[in-house]
């Protein structure tokens, strides 16, 4: 288990815990179906536990996906 912290520059794009949880379940759910990610939003940072360190480019893809969904709604 690895404790991950997203910096504030990334955090402003991820406003719902559900978006982050869905991303983590999609990434790790098959191998770790009962994993508790312990997602928290503290001091403008998302923190969570995962089986490994989540890479910067993966978080960027999540942010891009969220931005795309928001634009589609408007």
Protein backbone atom coordinates (compact mmCIF):
# COMPACT_ATOMS: atom_id res chain seq x y z
CA UNK A 1 0.00 0.00 0.00
CA UNK A 2 1.27 3.47 -0.94
CA UNK A 3 -0.01 6.80 0.38
CA UNK A 4 -0.60 9.20 -2.53
CA UNK A 5 -1.01 12.98 -2.33
CA UNK A 6 -2.18 15.12 -5.24
CA UNK A 7 -0.80 18.64 -5.26
CA UNK A 8 -3.17 21.63 -5.24
CA UNK A 9 -2.62 22.36 -8.95
CA UNK A 10 -4.19 18.98 -9.73
CA UNK A 11 -6.74 19.05 -6.95
CA UNK A 12 -8.67 22.00 -8.36
CA UNK A 13 -9.80 19.85 -11.30
CA UNK A 14 -10.96 16.92 -9.20
CA UNK A 15 -13.91 18.24 -7.21
CA UNK A 16 -15.77 15.00 -6.48
CA UNK A 17 -14.46 12.10 -4.45
CA UNK A 18 -16.50 9.82 -6.69
CA UNK A 19 -14.42 10.76 -9.75
CA UNK A 20 -11.21 9.83 -7.99
CA UNK A 21 -12.68 6.65 -6.54
CA UNK A 22 -14.01 5.54 -9.95
CA UNK A 23 -10.58 6.12 -11.48
CA UNK A 24 -8.88 4.07 -8.75
CA UNK A 25 -11.41 1.24 -8.97
CA UNK A 26 -10.98 1.10 -12.74
CA UNK A 27 -7.19 1.01 -12.37
CA UNK A 28 -6.88 -1.42 -9.45
CA UNK A 29 -10.31 -3.01 -8.95
CA UNK A 30 -9.69 -6.26 -10.82
CA UNK A 31 -6.62 -7.20 -8.79
CA UNK A 32 -7.79 -5.59 -5.53
CA UNK A 33 -11.63 -5.68 -5.52
CA UNK A 34 -12.01 -4.96 -1.79
CA UNK A 35 -9.27 -2.34 -1.44
CA UNK A 36 -10.16 0.65 0.76
CA UNK A 37 -8.64 3.75 -0.82
CA UNK A 38 -9.29 5.98 2.23
CA UNK A 39 -9.83 9.03 0.02
CA UNK A 40 -9.75 12.37 1.82
CA UNK A 41 -9.63 16.02 0.82
CA UNK A 42 -7.42 17.91 3.28
CA UNK A 43 -5.84 21.36 2.93
CA UNK A 44 -6.59 21.59 -0.81
CA UNK A 45 -5.07 18.19 -1.49
CA UNK A 46 -6.60 14.83 -2.29
CA UNK A 47 -4.97 12.01 -0.38
CA UNK A 48 -5.59 8.32 -0.87
CA UNK A 49 -4.06 4.90 -0.47
CA UNK A 50 -3.42 2.66 -3.46
CA UNK A 51 -1.53 -0.55 -4.18
CA UNK A 52 1.20 1.56 -5.83
CA UNK A 53 2.20 5.15 -6.51
CA UNK A 54 -0.14 6.67 -9.10
CA UNK A 55 1.92 8.29 -11.84
CA UNK A 56 1.58 11.94 -12.82
CA UNK A 57 0.51 11.13 -16.39
CA UNK A 58 -2.31 8.90 -15.11
CA UNK A 59 -3.65 11.73 -12.95
CA UNK A 60 -3.40 14.04 -15.98
CA UNK A 61 -5.56 11.61 -17.99
CA UNK A 62 -8.13 11.59 -15.17
CA UNK A 63 -8.20 15.40 -15.15
CA UNK A 64 -8.56 15.50 -18.95
CA UNK A 65 -11.48 13.07 -18.73
CA UNK A 66 -13.19 15.15 -16.03
CA UNK A 67 -12.73 18.36 -18.05
CA UNK A 68 -14.16 16.67 -21.14
CA UNK A 69 -17.26 15.49 -19.24
CA UNK A 70 -17.82 18.97 -17.80
CA UNK A 71 -17.61 20.56 -21.26
CA UNK A 72 -20.08 18.02 -22.65
CA UNK A 73 -22.61 18.97 -19.96
CA UNK A 74 -22.45 22.68 -20.81
